């Protein structure tokens, strides 16, 4: 089932405002549980975790920054 543009905008806002901070807290705590690592390995882990969160939500964020697809029809109005 495909989400409408408006639904994707709402979901992206929810993901960024609630999901992202929760994910950051979980990722930092998981890295802290590991034994002492070198700074390079720790940095690489944070980079991988920072990219990995977006993969499941890629379809939600596609095209959100662009104009609404039906906006042209709304601007023209009825003829």
PDB file of N, CA and C in Angstrom:
ATOM      1  N   UNK A   1       0.835  -1.174   0.000  1.00  0.00           N
ATOM      2  CA  UNK A   1       0.000   0.000   0.000  1.00  0.00           C
ATOM      3  C   UNK A   1       0.882   1.240   0.000  1.00  0.00           C
ATOM      4  N   UNK A   2       0.702   2.086  -0.986  1.00  0.00           N
ATOM      5  CA  UNK A   2       1.501   3.297  -1.108  1.00  0.00           C
ATOM      6  C   UNK A   2       0.917   4.412  -0.243  1.00  0.00           C
ATOM      7  N   UNK A   3       1.802   5.154   0.387  1.00  0.00           N
ATOM      8  CA  UNK A   3       1.372   6.275   1.220  1.00  0.00           C
ATOM      9  C   UNK A   3       1.207   7.521   0.370  1.00  0.00           C
ATOM     10  N   UNK A   4       0.241   8.333   0.712  1.00  0.00           N
ATOM     11  CA  UNK A   4       0.067   9.599   0.006  1.00  0.00           C
ATOM     12  C   UNK A   4       1.184  10.562   0.417  1.00  0.00           C
ATOM     13  N   UNK A   5       1.320  11.630  -0.327  1.00  0.00           N
ATOM     14  CA  UNK A   5       2.351  12.621  -0.037  1.00  0.00           C
ATOM     15  C   UNK A   5       2.156  13.203   1.359  1.00  0.00           C
ATOM     16  N   UNK A   6       0.913  13.516   1.702  1.00  0.00           N
ATOM     17  CA  UNK A   6       0.605  14.102   3.003  1.00  0.00           C
ATOM     18  C   UNK A   6       0.923  13.120   4.129  1.00  0.00           C
ATOM     19  N   UNK A   7       0.601  11.847   3.937  1.00  0.00           N
ATOM     20  CA  UNK A   7       0.892  10.828   4.951  1.00  0.00           C
ATOM     21  C   UNK A   7       2.403  10.651   5.114  1.00  0.00           C
ATOM     22  N   UNK A   8       3.127  10.651   4.005  1.00  0.00           N
ATOM     23  CA  UNK A   8       4.594  10.525   4.098  1.00  0.00           C
ATOM     24  C   UNK A   8       5.196  11.719   4.824  1.00  0.00           C
ATOM     25  N   UNK A   9       4.655  12.915   4.618  1.00  0.00           N
ATOM     26  CA  UNK A   9       5.151  14.095   5.341  1.00  0.00           C
ATOM     27  C   UNK A   9       4.917  13.951   6.837  1.00  0.00           C
ATOM     28  N   UNK A  10       3.743  13.471   7.208  1.00  0.00           N
ATOM     29  CA  UNK A  10       3.438  13.291   8.633  1.00  0.00           C
ATOM     30  C   UNK A  10       4.327  12.226   9.252  1.00  0.00           C
ATOM     31  N   UNK A  11       4.500  11.100   8.561  1.00  0.00           N
ATOM     32  CA  UNK A  11       5.353  10.036   9.080  1.00  0.00           C
ATOM     33  C   UNK A  11       6.804  10.492   9.191  1.00  0.00           C
ATOM     34  N   UNK A  12       7.284  11.247   8.208  1.00  0.00           N
ATOM     35  CA  UNK A  12       8.671  11.712   8.272  1.00  0.00           C
ATOM     36  C   UNK A  12       8.873  12.650   9.454  1.00  0.00           C
ATOM     37  N   UNK A  13       7.904  13.499   9.735  1.00  0.00           N
ATOM     38  CA  UNK A  13       7.997  14.387  10.892  1.00  0.00           C
ATOM     39  C   UNK A  13       8.013  13.590  12.188  1.00  0.00           C
ATOM     40  N   UNK A  14       7.152  12.596  12.291  1.00  0.00           N
ATOM     41  CA  UNK A  14       7.107  11.748  13.478  1.00  0.00           C
ATOM     42  C   UNK A  14       8.421  10.987  13.657  1.00  0.00           C
ATOM     43  N   UNK A  15       8.944  10.465  12.581  1.00  0.00           N
ATOM     44  CA  UNK A  15      10.208   9.729  12.647  1.00  0.00           C
ATOM     45  C   UNK A  15      11.342  10.643  13.096  1.00  0.00           C
ATOM     46  N   UNK A  16      11.393  11.858  12.562  1.00  0.00           N
ATOM     47  CA  UNK A  16      12.485  12.764  12.908  1.00  0.00           C
ATOM     48  C   UNK A  16      12.368  13.325  14.322  1.00  0.00           C
ATOM     49  N   UNK A  17      11.152  13.596  14.778  1.00  0.00           N
ATOM     50  CA  UNK A  17      10.987  14.209  16.094  1.00  0.00           C
ATOM     51  C   UNK A  17      10.986  13.209  17.248  1.00  0.00           C
ATOM     52  N   UNK A  18      10.503  12.003  17.004  1.00  0.00           N
ATOM     53  CA  UNK A  18      10.415  11.019  18.089  1.00  0.00           C
ATOM     54  C   UNK A  18      11.377   9.857  17.853  1.00  0.00           C
ATOM     55  N   UNK A  19      11.347   9.283  16.667  1.00  0.00           N
ATOM     56  CA  UNK A  19      12.155   8.100  16.391  1.00  0.00           C
ATOM     57  C   UNK A  19      13.650   8.353  16.395  1.00  0.00           C
ATOM     58  N   UNK A  20      14.064   9.458  15.828  1.00  0.00           N
ATOM     59  CA  UNK A  20      15.496   9.757  15.737  1.00  0.00           C
ATOM     60  C   UNK A  20      16.140   9.935  17.116  1.00  0.00           C
ATOM     61  N   UNK A  21      15.573  10.749  18.025  1.00  0.00           N
ATOM     62  CA  UNK A  21      16.192  10.852  19.361  1.00  0.00           C
ATOM     63  C   UNK A  21      16.222   9.517  20.117  1.00  0.00           C
ATOM     64  N   UNK A  22      15.172   8.727  19.991  1.00  0.00           N
ATOM     65  CA  UNK A  22      15.152   7.417  20.644  1.00  0.00           C
ATOM     66  C   UNK A  22      16.246   6.527  20.063  1.00  0.00           C
ATOM     67  N   UNK A  23      16.392   6.549  18.741  1.00  0.00           N
ATOM     68  CA  UNK A  23      17.424   5.745  18.092  1.00  0.00           C
ATOM     69  C   UNK A  23      18.821   6.201  18.531  1.00  0.00           C
ATOM     70  N   UNK A  24      19.039   7.483  18.651  1.00  0.00           N
ATOM     71  CA  UNK A  24      20.346   8.002  19.075  1.00  0.00           C
ATOM     72  C   UNK A  24      20.677   7.514  20.480  1.00  0.00           C
ATOM     73  N   UNK A  25      19.698   7.585  21.384  1.00  0.00           N
ATOM     74  CA  UNK A  25      19.926   7.133  22.760  1.00  0.00           C
ATOM     75  C   UNK A  25      20.260   5.644  22.781  1.00  0.00           C
ATOM     76  N   UNK A  26      19.527   4.854  22.025  1.00  0.00           N
ATOM     77  CA  UNK A  26      19.780   3.410  21.973  1.00  0.00           C
ATOM     78  C   UNK A  26      21.160   3.125  21.379  1.00  0.00           C
ATOM     79  N   UNK A  27      21.518   3.814  20.291  1.00  0.00           N
ATOM     80  CA  UNK A  27      22.814   3.569  19.641  1.00  0.00           C
ATOM     81  C   UNK A  27      23.975   3.940  20.560  1.00  0.00           C
ATOM     82  N   UNK A  28      23.880   5.062  21.244  1.00  0.00           N
ATOM     83  CA  UNK A  28      24.962   5.480  22.146  1.00  0.00           C
ATOM     84  C   UNK A  28      25.095   4.491  23.303  1.00  0.00           C
ATOM     85  N   UNK A  29      23.972   4.044  23.842  1.00  0.00           N
ATOM     86  CA  UNK A  29      24.038   3.079  24.943  1.00  0.00           C
ATOM     87  C   UNK A  29      24.594   1.733  24.492  1.00  0.00           C
ATOM     88  N   UNK A  30      24.259   1.295  23.278  1.00  0.00           N
ATOM     89  CA  UNK A  30      24.814   0.042  22.774  1.00  0.00           C
ATOM     90  C   UNK A  30      26.320   0.127  22.588  1.00  0.00           C
ATOM     91  N   UNK A  31      26.804   1.233  22.066  1.00  0.00           N
ATOM     92  CA  UNK A  31      28.250   1.389  21.886  1.00  0.00           C
ATOM     93  C   UNK A  31      28.943   1.484  23.245  1.00  0.00           C
ATOM     94  N   UNK A  32      28.278   2.094  24.221  1.00  0.00           N
ATOM     95  CA  UNK A  32      28.873   2.214  25.558  1.00  0.00           C
ATOM     96  C   UNK A  32      28.970   0.866  26.262  1.00  0.00           C
ATOM     97  N   UNK A  33      28.099  -0.080  25.914  1.00  0.00           N
ATOM     98  CA  UNK A  33      28.142  -1.403  26.534  1.00  0.00           C
ATOM     99  C   UNK A  33      29.337  -2.231  26.072  1.00  0.00           C
ATOM    100  N   UNK A  34      29.861  -1.911  24.917  1.00  0.00           N
ATOM    101  CA  UNK A  34      31.002  -2.654  24.385  1.00  0.00           C
ATOM    102  C   UNK A  34      32.253  -2.334  25.183  1.00  0.00           C
ATOM    103  N   UNK A  35      33.205  -3.262  25.184  1.00  0.00           N
ATOM    104  CA  UNK A  35      34.470  -2.959  25.878  1.00  0.00           C
ATOM    105  C   UNK A  35      35.181  -1.788  25.196  1.00  0.00           C
ATOM    106  N   UNK A  36      36.158  -1.252  25.874  1.00  0.00           N
ATOM    107  CA  UNK A  36      36.892  -0.083  25.365  1.00  0.00           C
ATOM    108  C   UNK A  36      37.442  -0.360  23.968  1.00  0.00           C
ATOM    109  N   UNK A  37      37.059   0.485  23.014  1.00  0.00           N
ATOM    110  CA  UNK A  37      37.491   0.344  21.634  1.00  0.00           C
ATOM    111  C   UNK A  37      38.362   1.533  21.252  1.00  0.00           C
ATOM    112  N   UNK A  38      39.115   1.366  20.186  1.00  0.00           N
ATOM    113  CA  UNK A  38      39.902   2.496  19.712  1.00  0.00           C
ATOM    114  C   UNK A  38      38.947   3.556  19.162  1.00  0.00           C
ATOM    115  N   UNK A  39      39.404   4.769  19.114  1.00  0.00           N
ATOM    116  CA  UNK A  39      38.561   5.879  18.653  1.00  0.00           C
ATOM    117  C   UNK A  39      38.143   5.706  17.194  1.00  0.00           C
ATOM    118  N   UNK A  40      38.990   5.112  16.380  1.00  0.00           N
ATOM    119  CA  UNK A  40      38.665   4.898  14.972  1.00  0.00           C
ATOM    120  C   UNK A  40      37.525   3.899  14.828  1.00  0.00           C
ATOM    121  N   UNK A  41      37.603   2.786  15.567  1.00  0.00           N
ATOM    122  CA  UNK A  41      36.551   1.766  15.508  1.00  0.00           C
ATOM    123  C   UNK A  41      35.238   2.338  16.028  1.00  0.00           C
ATOM    124  N   UNK A  42      35.310   3.096  17.097  1.00  0.00           N
ATOM    125  CA  UNK A  42      34.110   3.717  17.656  1.00  0.00           C
ATOM    126  C   UNK A  42      33.499   4.709  16.667  1.00  0.00           C
ATOM    127  N   UNK A  43      34.336   5.485  16.018  1.00  0.00           N
ATOM    128  CA  UNK A  43      33.856   6.434  15.012  1.00  0.00           C
ATOM    129  C   UNK A  43      33.163   5.709  13.856  1.00  0.00           C
ATOM    130  N   UNK A  44      33.776   4.630  13.379  1.00  0.00           N
ATOM    131  CA  UNK A  44      33.186   3.848  12.276  1.00  0.00           C
ATOM    132  C   UNK A  44      31.841   3.265  12.703  1.00  0.00           C
ATOM    133  N   UNK A  45      31.738   2.794  13.943  1.00  0.00           N
ATOM    134  CA  UNK A  45      30.465   2.260  14.428  1.00  0.00           C
ATOM    135  C   UNK A  45      29.384   3.338  14.438  1.00  0.00           C
ATOM    136  N   UNK A  46      29.732   4.531  14.883  1.00  0.00           N
ATOM    137  CA  UNK A  46      28.755   5.622  14.897  1.00  0.00           C
ATOM    138  C   UNK A  46      28.339   6.018  13.482  1.00  0.00           C
ATOM    139  N   UNK A  47      29.269   6.005  12.555  1.00  0.00           N
ATOM    140  CA  UNK A  47      28.936   6.328  11.162  1.00  0.00           C
ATOM    141  C   UNK A  47      27.987   5.278  10.589  1.00  0.00           C
ATOM    142  N   UNK A  48      28.285   4.011  10.824  1.00  0.00           N
ATOM    143  CA  UNK A  48      27.423   2.936  10.319  1.00  0.00           C
ATOM    144  C   UNK A  48      26.039   3.016  10.959  1.00  0.00           C
ATOM    145  N   UNK A  49      25.975   3.211  12.256  1.00  0.00           N
ATOM    146  CA  UNK A  49      24.689   3.333  12.932  1.00  0.00           C
ATOM    147  C   UNK A  49      23.938   4.591  12.489  1.00  0.00           C
ATOM    148  N   UNK A  50      24.672   5.650  12.182  1.00  0.00           N
ATOM    149  CA  UNK A  50      24.045   6.881  11.717  1.00  0.00           C
ATOM    150  C   UNK A  50      23.427   6.757  10.338  1.00  0.00           C
ATOM    151  N   UNK A  51      23.975   5.869   9.526  1.00  0.00           N
ATOM    152  CA  UNK A  51      23.425   5.644   8.183  1.00  0.00           C
ATOM    153  C   UNK A  51      22.357   4.551   8.207  1.00  0.00           C
ATOM    154  N   UNK A  52      22.525   3.574   9.072  1.00  0.00           N
ATOM    155  CA  UNK A  52      21.643   2.394   9.081  1.00  0.00           C
ATOM    156  C   UNK A  52      20.196   2.724   9.442  1.00  0.00           C
ATOM    157  N   UNK A  53      19.958   3.767  10.223  1.00  0.00           N
ATOM    158  CA  UNK A  53      18.586   4.052  10.650  1.00  0.00           C
ATOM    159  C   UNK A  53      17.694   4.475   9.490  1.00  0.00           C
ATOM    160  N   UNK A  54      18.260   5.061   8.445  1.00  0.00           N
ATOM    161  CA  UNK A  54      17.449   5.598   7.356  1.00  0.00           C
ATOM    162  C   UNK A  54      17.019   4.520   6.364  1.00  0.00           C
ATOM    163  N   UNK A  55      17.732   3.411   6.287  1.00  0.00           N
ATOM    164  CA  UNK A  55      17.444   2.389   5.275  1.00  0.00           C
ATOM    165  C   UNK A  55      15.999   1.885   5.348  1.00  0.00           C
ATOM    166  N   UNK A  56      15.453   1.547   6.521  1.00  0.00           N
ATOM    167  CA  UNK A  56      14.061   1.083   6.530  1.00  0.00           C
ATOM    168  C   UNK A  56      13.046   2.179   6.209  1.00  0.00           C
ATOM    169  N   UNK A  57      13.431   3.444   6.375  1.00  0.00           N
ATOM    170  CA  UNK A  57      12.499   4.551   6.179  1.00  0.00           C
ATOM    171  C   UNK A  57      12.732   5.315   4.883  1.00  0.00           C
ATOM    172  N   UNK A  58      13.541   4.776   4.007  1.00  0.00           N
ATOM    173  CA  UNK A  58      13.890   5.470   2.776  1.00  0.00           C
ATOM    174  C   UNK A  58      12.653   5.837   1.954  1.00  0.00           C
ATOM    175  N   UNK A  59      11.688   4.934   1.857  1.00  0.00           N
ATOM    176  CA  UNK A  59      10.491   5.199   1.057  1.00  0.00           C
ATOM    177  C   UNK A  59       9.657   6.336   1.639  1.00  0.00           C
ATOM    178  N   UNK A  60       9.742   6.547   2.948  1.00  0.00           N
ATOM    179  CA  UNK A  60       8.965   7.628   3.573  1.00  0.00           C
ATOM    180  C   UNK A  60       9.544   8.988   3.199  1.00  0.00           C
ATOM    181  N   UNK A  61      10.868   9.091   3.145  1.00  0.00           N
ATOM    182  CA  UNK A  61      11.515  10.375   2.919  1.00  0.00           C
ATOM    183  C   UNK A  61      11.700  10.732   1.446  1.00  0.00           C
ATOM    184  N   UNK A  62      11.441   9.810   0.545  1.00  0.00           N
ATOM    185  CA  UNK A  62      11.635  10.077  -0.882  1.00  0.00           C
ATOM    186  C   UNK A  62      10.696  11.190  -1.364  1.00  0.00           C
ATOM    187  N   UNK A  63      11.252  12.288  -1.843  1.00  0.00           N
ATOM    188  CA  UNK A  63      10.468  13.365  -2.434  1.00  0.00           C
ATOM    189  C   UNK A  63       9.796  14.292  -1.459  1.00  0.00           C
ATOM    190  N   UNK A  64      10.084  14.198  -0.167  1.00  0.00           N
ATOM    191  CA  UNK A  64       9.420  15.041   0.828  1.00  0.00           C
ATOM    192  C   UNK A  64       9.827  16.508   0.671  1.00  0.00           C
ATOM    193  N   UNK A  65      11.045  16.775   0.280  1.00  0.00           N
ATOM    194  CA  UNK A  65      11.499  18.156   0.135  1.00  0.00           C
ATOM    195  C   UNK A  65      11.013  18.837  -1.129  1.00  0.00           C
ATOM    196  N   UNK A  66      10.377  18.108  -2.009  1.00  0.00           N
ATOM    197  CA  UNK A  66       9.897  18.665  -3.261  1.00  0.00           C
ATOM    198  C   UNK A  66       8.464  19.149  -3.106  1.00  0.00           C
ATOM    199  N   UNK A  67       8.022  19.865  -4.113  1.00  0.00           N
ATOM    200  CA  UNK A  67       6.657  20.357  -4.119  1.00  0.00           C
ATOM    201  C   UNK A  67       5.687  19.184  -4.196  1.00  0.00           C
ATOM    202  N   UNK A  68       4.520  19.349  -3.577  1.00  0.00           N
ATOM    203  CA  UNK A  68       3.506  18.308  -3.590  1.00  0.00           C
ATOM    204  C   UNK A  68       3.127  17.977  -5.030  1.00  0.00           C
ATOM    205  N   UNK A  69       3.016  16.703  -5.379  1.00  0.00           N
ATOM    206  CA  UNK A  69       2.717  16.324  -6.766  1.00  0.00           C
ATOM    207  C   UNK A  69       1.413  16.918  -7.299  1.00  0.00           C
ATOM    208  N   UNK A  70       0.410  17.072  -6.462  1.00  0.00           N
ATOM    209  CA  UNK A  70      -0.872  17.616  -6.911  1.00  0.00           C
ATOM    210  C   UNK A  70      -0.941  19.129  -6.782  1.00  0.00           C
ATOM    211  N   UNK A  71       0.151  19.780  -6.420  1.00  0.00           N
ATOM    212  CA  UNK A  71       0.139  21.224  -6.197  1.00  0.00           C
ATOM    213  C   UNK A  71      -0.158  21.988  -7.485  1.00  0.00           C
ATOM    214  N   UNK A  72       0.302  21.491  -8.618  1.00  0.00           N
ATOM    215  CA  UNK A  72       0.052  22.183  -9.887  1.00  0.00           C
ATOM    216  C   UNK A  72      -1.446  22.222 -10.170  1.00  0.00           C
ATOM    217  N   UNK A  73      -2.140  21.139  -9.903  1.00  0.00           N
ATOM    218  CA  UNK A  73      -3.580  21.102 -10.127  1.00  0.00           C
ATOM    219  C   UNK A  73      -4.296  22.062  -9.185  1.00  0.00           C
ATOM    220  N   UNK A  74      -3.827  22.200  -7.962  1.00  0.00           N
ATOM    221  CA  UNK A  74      -4.468  23.090  -7.003  1.00  0.00           C
ATOM    222  C   UNK A  74      -4.225  24.550  -7.355  1.00  0.00           C
ATOM    223  N   UNK A  75      -3.058  24.875  -7.937  1.00  0.00           N
ATOM    224  CA  UNK A  75      -2.749  26.254  -8.316  1.00  0.00           C
ATOM    225  C   UNK A  75      -3.615  26.712  -9.484  1.00  0.00           C
ATOM    226  N   UNK A  76      -3.841  25.826 -10.432  1.00  0.00           N
ATOM    227  CA  UNK A  76      -4.619  26.188 -11.617  1.00  0.00           C
ATOM    228  C   UNK A  76      -6.064  26.457 -11.270  1.00  0.00           C
ATOM    229  N   UNK A  77      -6.601  25.698 -10.339  1.00  0.00           N
ATOM    230  CA  UNK A  77      -7.998  25.851  -9.955  1.00  0.00           C
ATOM    231  C   UNK A  77      -8.913  25.270 -11.022  1.00  0.00           C
ATOM    232  N   UNK A  78     -10.216  25.321 -10.762  1.00  0.00           N
ATOM    233  CA  UNK A  78     -11.173  24.777 -11.750  1.00  0.00           C
ATOM    234  C   UNK A  78     -11.260  25.678 -12.978  1.00  0.00           C
ATOM    235  N   UNK A  79     -11.423  25.065 -14.125  1.00  0.00           N
ATOM    236  CA  UNK A  79     -11.535  25.837 -15.373  1.00  0.00           C
ATOM    237  C   UNK A  79     -12.957  25.970 -15.800  1.00  0.00           C
TER     238      UNK A  79
END
